[in-house]
């Protein structure tokens, strides 16, 4: 955080409150807002290109797009509400505790047969009437709110390992285990990664974080080797074309999509891998559709948008003089960035295949609405 004279901070805070009264959009970081809008627009166009073929079996070629637009409408309503409120309300113990408790309860319910929805061997969803949602999407950001509050407390000294840093990982570790049971290693791992990043921002020592990282790497290796199908998936990503009849099929088709796209792509919606060759082109492997339709240039442009979004989000965090707001903006931005990096790494074969959506692009009404609400919090912080 950048230190400024107290009078300047008071003047800035007064301007922010005055702007809130006049217009709840005034004062928002323009770079953040522009990159956010562009990611939404490019994301919905890519989702149409990735889903129109398979969606014809589920109510029409635009069914996935309509569902996504509904989620975006919910997210837009949440943004209006959150932009009108003071983000510091999230630091209230009762609200932070309620978000965390609700997340743990829903994650526990997911594991209960008959309550959690089983799909493709994973139990990650809860159903409320006609609507299904993933509690882990809310849990990620509830944990960030908790961490921002915990790290902003004056008596928290993260430079001490046993009394400051280690206790900080207790609740994220419990959430990690609950999500791992679904199983969903990528989402569970992203929570621990962001916890470590937020602790680093708060001033934790590198050697302590290195110790935590080594422990996490050992746990992840044990988990990856503990089941036959996980070992097969771990081996297949190194040479997916040798395992095209089973674990390597999806990654092989993804790499073929990138090869077909070449430098400039085949044109939006013109790619062929989504024609029942590439599994789940509208969700976990939607970046392969970007590669086939828009080519290397399109991939670089999309990655550039994510990099710009992360830059502007971290700039908001660095400029915020409120420690809670700074950590909250940094945590939300890092979560979106980590999720994007892990998704792209999987799709291009840089790491084993896991089920993690690409923010703003992958289909999922719950995911897009919660991400939009989280971005609204960062925008709110940018006004202060």
Protein backbone atom coordinates (compact mmCIF):
# COMPACT_ATOMS: atom_id res chain seq x y z
CA UNK A 1 0.00 0.00 0.00
CA UNK A 2 1.17 3.49 -0.82
CA UNK A 3 1.57 5.78 2.18
CA UNK A 4 0.08 9.27 1.92
CA UNK A 5 -0.46 12.08 4.41
CA UNK A 6 -3.49 11.60 6.62
CA UNK A 7 -5.12 14.79 5.36
CA UNK A 8 -4.90 13.57 1.78
CA UNK A 9 -6.46 10.28 2.78
CA UNK A 10 -9.32 12.08 4.48
CA UNK A 11 -9.88 14.29 1.43
CA UNK A 12 -9.85 11.26 -0.88
CA UNK A 13 -12.27 9.42 1.38
CA UNK A 14 -14.55 12.43 1.45
CA UNK A 15 -14.52 12.69 -2.33
CA UNK A 16 -15.34 8.99 -2.59
CA UNK A 17 -18.31 9.34 -0.24
CA UNK A 18 -19.47 12.44 -2.08
CA UNK A 19 -19.23 10.62 -5.41
CA UNK A 20 -21.24 7.74 -3.98
CA UNK A 21 -24.05 10.13 -3.13
CA UNK A 22 -24.01 11.79 -6.57
CA UNK A 23 -23.37 8.79 -8.83
CA UNK A 24 -22.47 5.26 -7.81
CA UNK A 25 -20.51 4.82 -11.05
CA UNK A 26 -18.34 7.92 -10.62
CA UNK A 27 -14.76 7.37 -9.48
CA UNK A 28 -14.46 3.75 -10.62
CA UNK A 29 -11.06 2.85 -12.09
CA UNK A 30 -11.59 3.23 -15.84
CA UNK A 31 -8.98 0.71 -16.87
CA UNK A 32 -10.58 -1.93 -14.64
CA UNK A 33 -14.06 -1.13 -15.97
CA UNK A 34 -13.01 -1.20 -19.64
CA UNK A 35 -11.10 -4.50 -19.43
CA UNK A 36 -13.96 -6.03 -17.42
CA UNK A 37 -16.49 -5.01 -20.10
CA UNK A 38 -14.27 -6.31 -22.92
CA UNK A 39 -13.78 -9.66 -21.17
CA UNK A 40 -17.56 -10.02 -20.81
CA UNK A 41 -18.18 -9.18 -24.48
CA UNK A 42 -15.45 -11.42 -25.86
CA UNK A 43 -16.48 -14.14 -23.42
CA UNK A 44 -20.13 -14.23 -24.50
CA UNK A 45 -19.15 -14.20 -28.21
CA UNK A 46 -16.74 -17.10 -27.63
CA UNK A 47 -19.36 -19.01 -25.64
CA UNK A 48 -21.76 -18.74 -28.58
CA UNK A 49 -19.10 -20.04 -30.96
CA UNK A 50 -18.25 -22.91 -28.60
CA UNK A 51 -21.77 -23.98 -27.68
CA UNK A 52 -24.19 -23.48 -30.57
CA UNK A 53 -23.62 -26.95 -32.04
CA UNK A 54 -24.03 -29.05 -28.87
CA UNK A 55 -26.72 -26.70 -27.50
CA UNK A 56 -29.09 -27.74 -30.29
CA UNK A 57 -29.75 -30.93 -28.30
CA UNK A 58 -30.66 -28.89 -25.19
CA UNK A 59 -33.38 -26.56 -26.34
CA UNK A 60 -31.81 -24.55 -29.14
CA UNK A 61 -28.54 -23.22 -30.48
CA UNK A 62 -28.64 -20.23 -28.12
CA UNK A 63 -29.63 -22.09 -24.93
CA UNK A 64 -26.16 -21.83 -23.34
CA UNK A 65 -25.89 -18.16 -24.29
CA UNK A 66 -29.35 -17.40 -22.86
CA UNK A 67 -28.43 -19.17 -19.63
CA UNK A 68 -25.18 -17.20 -19.45
CA UNK A 69 -27.00 -13.92 -20.11
CA UNK A 70 -29.39 -14.72 -17.28
CA UNK A 71 -26.41 -15.26 -14.98
CA UNK A 72 -24.92 -11.98 -16.19
CA UNK A 73 -28.21 -10.21 -15.43
CA UNK A 74 -28.10 -11.57 -11.88
CA UNK A 75 -24.47 -10.50 -11.63
CA UNK A 76 -25.33 -7.01 -12.92
CA UNK A 77 -28.04 -6.66 -10.26
CA UNK A 78 -25.55 -7.74 -7.60
CA UNK A 79 -23.05 -5.18 -8.95
CA UNK A 80 -25.59 -2.36 -8.63
CA UNK A 81 -26.21 -3.29 -4.99
CA UNK A 82 -22.53 -3.74 -4.10
CA UNK A 83 -21.47 -0.51 -5.78
CA UNK A 84 -23.98 1.41 -3.70
CA UNK A 85 -22.71 -0.01 -0.40
CA UNK A 86 -19.54 0.69 1.54
CA UNK A 87 -17.19 -2.25 0.96
CA UNK A 88 -16.05 -1.95 4.59
CA UNK A 89 -19.32 -3.63 5.60
CA UNK A 90 -17.69 -6.89 4.52
CA UNK A 91 -15.21 -6.52 7.38
CA UNK A 92 -18.01 -6.68 9.96
CA UNK A 93 -17.57 -9.88 12.00
CA UNK A 94 -21.22 -10.97 11.62
CA UNK A 95 -21.25 -10.59 7.83
CA UNK A 96 -17.85 -12.15 7.28
CA UNK A 97 -18.79 -15.02 9.61
CA UNK A 98 -22.15 -15.52 7.91
CA UNK A 99 -20.53 -15.79 4.46
CA UNK A 100 -17.97 -18.25 5.75
CA UNK A 101 -20.50 -20.36 7.68
CA UNK A 102 -22.89 -20.51 4.71
CA UNK A 103 -20.01 -21.61 2.47
CA UNK A 104 -18.95 -24.43 4.80
CA UNK A 105 -22.54 -25.63 5.26
CA UNK A 106 -23.20 -25.75 1.52
CA UNK A 107 -19.88 -27.49 0.84
CA UNK A 108 -20.79 -30.10 3.46
CA UNK A 109 -24.24 -30.57 1.90
CA UNK A 110 -22.67 -31.19 -1.50
CA UNK A 111 -20.96 -34.29 -0.09
CA UNK A 112 -24.30 -35.77 1.08
CA UNK A 113 -25.72 -38.31 -1.42
CA UNK A 114 -29.18 -37.28 -2.54
CA UNK A 115 -28.50 -33.61 -1.84
CA UNK A 116 -25.33 -32.98 -3.82
CA UNK A 117 -25.82 -33.45 -7.56
CA UNK A 118 -23.59 -36.13 -9.11
CA UNK A 119 -22.38 -35.37 -12.64
CA UNK A 120 -19.53 -37.05 -14.54
CA UNK A 121 -18.27 -38.73 -11.38
CA UNK A 122 -18.03 -35.48 -9.40
CA UNK A 123 -20.40 -34.20 -6.74
CA UNK A 124 -19.97 -30.40 -6.96
CA UNK A 125 -23.47 -28.99 -7.37
CA UNK A 126 -26.50 -28.21 -5.25
CA UNK A 127 -29.94 -27.98 -6.86
CA UNK A 128 -32.59 -25.48 -5.80
CA UNK A 129 -35.62 -26.25 -7.95
CA UNK A 130 -34.60 -25.81 -11.60
CA UNK A 131 -31.35 -24.04 -10.67
CA UNK A 132 -28.03 -25.80 -10.02
CA UNK A 133 -25.01 -24.00 -8.61
CA UNK A 134 -21.53 -24.75 -7.30
CA UNK A 135 -21.06 -23.68 -3.67
CA UNK A 136 -17.29 -23.66 -4.22
CA UNK A 137 -17.69 -20.56 -6.44
CA UNK A 138 -19.10 -18.58 -3.50
CA UNK A 139 -16.76 -20.25 -0.99
CA UNK A 140 -13.64 -18.97 -2.81
CA UNK A 141 -14.60 -15.34 -2.37
CA UNK A 142 -16.03 -15.81 1.12
CA UNK A 143 -12.61 -17.11 2.12
CA UNK A 144 -10.95 -14.05 0.57
CA UNK A 145 -13.17 -11.76 2.65
CA UNK A 146 -12.22 -13.71 5.79
CA UNK A 147 -8.51 -13.59 4.94
CA UNK A 148 -8.61 -9.86 4.22
CA UNK A 149 -10.25 -9.24 7.60
CA UNK A 150 -7.87 -11.58 9.47
CA UNK A 151 -4.75 -10.13 7.86
CA UNK A 152 -5.85 -6.55 8.48
CA UNK A 153 -6.16 -7.05 12.23
CA UNK A 154 -3.49 -5.23 14.21
CA UNK A 155 -2.60 -8.23 16.35
CA UNK A 156 -1.90 -10.47 13.33
CA UNK A 157 1.85 -10.82 12.82
CA UNK A 158 2.38 -13.01 9.75
CA UNK A 159 6.16 -12.79 10.13
CA UNK A 160 5.80 -15.37 12.93
CA UNK A 161 5.18 -18.86 11.58
CA UNK A 162 3.48 -20.75 14.43
CA UNK A 163 1.48 -17.92 15.96
CA UNK A 164 0.79 -15.78 12.89
CA UNK A 165 1.02 -17.60 9.55
CA UNK A 166 0.18 -21.23 10.33
CA UNK A 167 -3.18 -20.50 12.06
CA UNK A 168 -4.18 -18.48 9.00
CA UNK A 169 -4.23 -21.68 6.90
CA UNK A 170 -6.58 -23.62 9.21
CA UNK A 171 -9.90 -22.52 7.67
CA UNK A 172 -8.58 -22.48 4.08
CA UNK A 173 -7.20 -25.96 4.75
CA UNK A 174 -10.61 -27.22 5.92
CA UNK A 175 -12.25 -25.69 2.86
CA UNK A 176 -9.55 -27.29 0.72
CA UNK A 177 -10.42 -30.73 2.12
CA UNK A 178 -14.18 -30.26 1.62
CA UNK A 179 -13.74 -29.23 -2.01
CA UNK A 180 -11.16 -31.98 -2.56
CA UNK A 181 -13.83 -34.53 -1.57
CA UNK A 182 -16.00 -33.52 -4.57
CA UNK A 183 -13.31 -34.09 -6.10
CA UNK A 184 -12.08 -30.70 -7.38
CA UNK A 185 -8.35 -30.34 -6.87
CA UNK A 186 -7.95 -27.26 -9.05
CA UNK A 187 -10.51 -25.14 -7.19
CA UNK A 188 -9.30 -26.40 -3.83
CA UNK A 189 -5.70 -25.68 -4.76
CA UNK A 190 -6.53 -22.17 -5.99
CA UNK A 191 -7.82 -21.31 -2.51
CA UNK A 192 -4.51 -22.28 -0.91
CA UNK A 193 -2.54 -20.45 -3.60
CA UNK A 194 -4.49 -17.23 -3.06
CA UNK A 195 -4.15 -17.63 0.72
CA UNK A 196 -0.37 -17.76 0.30
CA UNK A 197 -0.39 -14.75 -2.05
CA UNK A 198 -2.48 -12.68 0.36
CA UNK A 199 -0.16 -13.63 3.21
CA UNK A 200 2.79 -12.55 1.05
CA UNK A 201 1.10 -9.21 0.36
CA UNK A 202 0.56 -8.82 4.10
CA UNK A 203 4.29 -9.26 4.77
CA UNK A 204 4.85 -12.99 5.40
CA UNK A 205 8.42 -14.22 5.14
CA UNK A 206 9.49 -16.03 1.99
CA UNK A 207 11.04 -18.97 3.81
CA UNK A 208 7.81 -19.55 5.73
CA UNK A 209 5.77 -19.44 2.53
CA UNK A 210 8.28 -21.77 0.91
CA UNK A 211 7.74 -24.26 3.72
CA UNK A 212 3.97 -24.06 3.26
CA UNK A 213 4.38 -24.43 -0.51
CA UNK A 214 6.55 -27.53 -0.11
CA UNK A 215 3.93 -29.09 2.15
CA UNK A 216 1.20 -28.26 -0.35
CA UNK A 217 3.23 -29.72 -3.22
CA UNK A 218 3.79 -32.94 -1.27
CA UNK A 219 0.08 -33.19 -0.50
CA UNK A 220 -0.85 -32.56 -4.14
CA UNK A 221 1.62 -35.20 -5.35
CA UNK A 222 0.25 -37.76 -2.91
CA UNK A 223 -3.30 -36.98 -4.03
CA UNK A 224 -2.41 -37.23 -7.72
CA UNK A 225 -0.78 -40.63 -7.24
CA UNK A 226 -3.35 -42.08 -4.81
CA UNK A 227 -5.79 -43.32 -7.49
CA UNK A 228 -5.22 -45.16 -10.76
CA UNK A 229 -7.22 -42.70 -12.87
CA UNK A 230 -5.31 -39.76 -11.38
CA UNK A 231 -1.97 -41.42 -12.15
CA UNK A 232 -3.16 -42.08 -15.70
CA UNK A 233 -4.21 -38.45 -16.09
CA UNK A 234 -0.87 -37.29 -14.72
CA UNK A 235 1.03 -39.41 -17.23
CA UNK A 236 -1.26 -38.65 -20.19
CA UNK A 237 -0.68 -34.90 -20.20
CA UNK A 238 3.02 -35.45 -20.96
CA UNK A 239 2.13 -37.24 -24.22
CA UNK A 240 -1.64 -37.10 -24.72
CA UNK A 241 -1.56 -38.56 -28.24
CA UNK A 242 -0.29 -41.84 -26.78
CA UNK A 243 -3.44 -42.04 -24.63
CA UNK A 244 -6.06 -40.85 -27.12
CA UNK A 245 -8.39 -43.75 -26.37
CA UNK A 246 -8.87 -42.68 -22.74
CA UNK A 247 -7.28 -40.04 -20.49
CA UNK A 248 -5.42 -38.18 -23.23
CA UNK A 249 -8.35 -37.74 -25.61
CA UNK A 250 -9.58 -34.33 -24.44
CA UNK A 251 -6.14 -32.73 -24.33
CA UNK A 252 -5.28 -34.23 -27.73
CA UNK A 253 -8.37 -32.65 -29.28
CA UNK A 254 -7.54 -29.36 -27.57
CA UNK A 255 -4.04 -29.33 -29.07
CA UNK A 256 -5.49 -30.19 -32.48
CA UNK A 257 -7.76 -27.18 -32.14
CA UNK A 258 -4.80 -24.88 -31.55
CA UNK A 259 -2.97 -26.43 -34.49
CA UNK A 260 -5.98 -25.94 -36.76
CA UNK A 261 -6.31 -22.29 -35.74
CA UNK A 262 -2.80 -21.38 -36.76
CA UNK A 263 -1.88 -17.71 -36.69
CA UNK A 264 -5.19 -15.97 -37.37
CA UNK A 265 -7.75 -18.72 -36.77
CA UNK A 266 -10.56 -20.16 -38.87
CA UNK A 267 -13.03 -17.41 -38.01
CA UNK A 268 -15.45 -17.01 -35.13
CA UNK A 269 -17.75 -20.02 -35.00
CA UNK A 270 -15.95 -21.77 -37.88
CA UNK A 271 -13.79 -24.15 -35.85
CA UNK A 272 -14.52 -27.90 -36.14
CA UNK A 273 -13.39 -29.36 -32.82
CA UNK A 274 -16.63 -28.32 -31.11
CA UNK A 275 -18.54 -30.59 -33.51
CA UNK A 276 -18.57 -33.44 -30.96
CA UNK A 277 -14.78 -33.91 -31.08
CA UNK A 278 -13.64 -31.77 -28.12
CA UNK A 279 -15.52 -32.64 -24.89
CA UNK A 280 -16.95 -29.65 -22.99
CA UNK A 281 -15.85 -26.93 -25.41
CA UNK A 282 -18.22 -24.48 -23.73
CA UNK A 283 -16.77 -24.87 -20.23
CA UNK A 284 -13.36 -26.12 -19.12
CA UNK A 285 -11.79 -26.17 -22.62
CA UNK A 286 -13.31 -23.03 -24.08
CA UNK A 287 -9.85 -21.48 -24.55
CA UNK A 288 -9.19 -24.17 -27.18
CA UNK A 289 -12.12 -22.70 -29.12
CA UNK A 290 -10.41 -19.31 -28.90
CA UNK A 291 -7.28 -20.89 -30.36
CA UNK A 292 -9.10 -22.59 -33.24
CA UNK A 293 -11.45 -19.73 -34.15
CA UNK A 294 -9.18 -16.74 -33.51
CA UNK A 295 -5.74 -18.32 -33.78
CA UNK A 296 -2.53 -17.35 -32.02
CA UNK A 297 -3.35 -13.67 -32.40
CA UNK A 298 -6.72 -14.13 -30.68
CA UNK A 299 -5.16 -16.12 -27.84
CA UNK A 300 -2.58 -13.40 -27.25
CA UNK A 301 -5.33 -10.75 -27.30
CA UNK A 302 -7.44 -12.64 -24.75
CA UNK A 303 -4.44 -13.26 -22.49
CA UNK A 304 -3.55 -9.57 -22.88
CA UNK A 305 -7.03 -8.63 -21.64
CA UNK A 306 -6.59 -10.85 -18.59
CA UNK A 307 -3.15 -9.37 -17.90
CA UNK A 308 -4.54 -5.84 -18.18
CA UNK A 309 -7.43 -6.70 -15.87
CA UNK A 310 -5.03 -8.16 -13.29
CA UNK A 311 -2.76 -5.12 -13.57
CA UNK A 312 -5.61 -2.68 -12.97
CA UNK A 313 -6.98 -4.80 -10.11
CA UNK A 314 -3.60 -4.92 -8.38
CA UNK A 315 -3.20 -1.19 -8.97
CA UNK A 316 -6.44 -0.64 -7.07
CA UNK A 317 -5.07 -2.80 -4.25
CA UNK A 318 -1.78 -0.85 -4.10
CA UNK A 319 -3.48 2.53 -4.13
CA UNK A 320 -6.03 1.74 -1.45
CA UNK A 321 -4.96 3.18 1.92
CA UNK A 322 -7.33 0.95 3.87
CA UNK A 323 -5.50 -2.30 4.69
CA UNK A 324 -8.68 -4.40 4.55
CA UNK A 325 -9.65 -2.92 1.17
CA UNK A 326 -6.15 -3.37 -0.21
CA UNK A 327 -6.02 -7.04 0.78
CA UNK A 328 -9.57 -7.66 -0.43
CA UNK A 329 -8.94 -6.15 -3.87
CA UNK A 330 -5.64 -8.01 -4.15
CA UNK A 331 -7.20 -11.32 -3.13
CA UNK A 332 -10.11 -11.07 -5.59
CA UNK A 333 -7.83 -10.06 -8.43
CA UNK A 334 -5.39 -12.88 -7.65
CA UNK A 335 -8.20 -15.45 -7.53
CA UNK A 336 -9.40 -14.48 -11.00
CA UNK A 337 -5.81 -14.42 -12.27
CA UNK A 338 -4.88 -17.78 -10.73
CA UNK A 339 -8.03 -19.38 -12.14
CA UNK A 340 -7.29 -18.03 -15.63
CA UNK A 341 -3.65 -19.19 -15.51
CA UNK A 342 -4.57 -22.71 -14.32
CA UNK A 343 -7.30 -23.07 -16.95
CA UNK A 344 -5.05 -21.97 -19.82
CA UNK A 345 -2.19 -24.16 -18.53
CA UNK A 346 -4.49 -27.20 -18.62
CA UNK A 347 -5.85 -26.45 -22.11
CA UNK A 348 -2.39 -26.05 -23.68
CA UNK A 349 -1.04 -29.15 -21.91
CA UNK A 350 1.26 -27.40 -19.45
CA UNK A 351 -0.32 -29.23 -16.50
CA UNK A 352 -2.60 -32.26 -15.97
CA UNK A 353 -6.27 -31.93 -16.91
CA UNK A 354 -8.52 -30.57 -14.16
CA UNK A 355 -12.01 -29.13 -14.18
CA UNK A 356 -11.59 -25.38 -13.72
CA UNK A 357 -13.60 -22.82 -15.73
CA UNK A 358 -12.10 -19.81 -17.46
CA UNK A 359 -13.47 -16.63 -15.81
CA UNK A 360 -15.83 -14.55 -18.02
CA UNK A 361 -15.74 -17.22 -20.76
CA UNK A 362 -16.85 -20.65 -19.51
CA UNK A 363 -20.56 -21.36 -19.28
CA UNK A 364 -22.10 -21.29 -15.83
CA UNK A 365 -24.63 -18.81 -14.52
CA UNK A 366 -23.47 -19.13 -10.92
CA UNK A 367 -19.83 -18.63 -11.83
CA UNK A 368 -20.33 -15.52 -13.97
CA UNK A 369 -22.71 -13.86 -11.51
CA UNK A 370 -20.38 -14.38 -8.54
CA UNK A 371 -17.32 -13.23 -10.52
CA UNK A 372 -19.20 -10.08 -11.55
CA UNK A 373 -20.18 -9.42 -7.94
CA UNK A 374 -16.55 -9.88 -6.86
CA UNK A 375 -15.36 -7.43 -9.53
CA UNK A 376 -17.95 -4.94 -8.27
CA UNK A 377 -16.25 -5.07 -4.85
CA UNK A 378 -12.90 -4.21 -6.48
CA UNK A 379 -14.57 -1.36 -8.37
CA UNK A 380 -16.07 -0.12 -5.11
CA UNK A 381 -12.63 -0.15 -3.50
CA UNK A 382 -11.17 1.74 -6.47
CA UNK A 383 -13.38 4.75 -5.63
CA UNK A 384 -11.80 5.16 -2.22
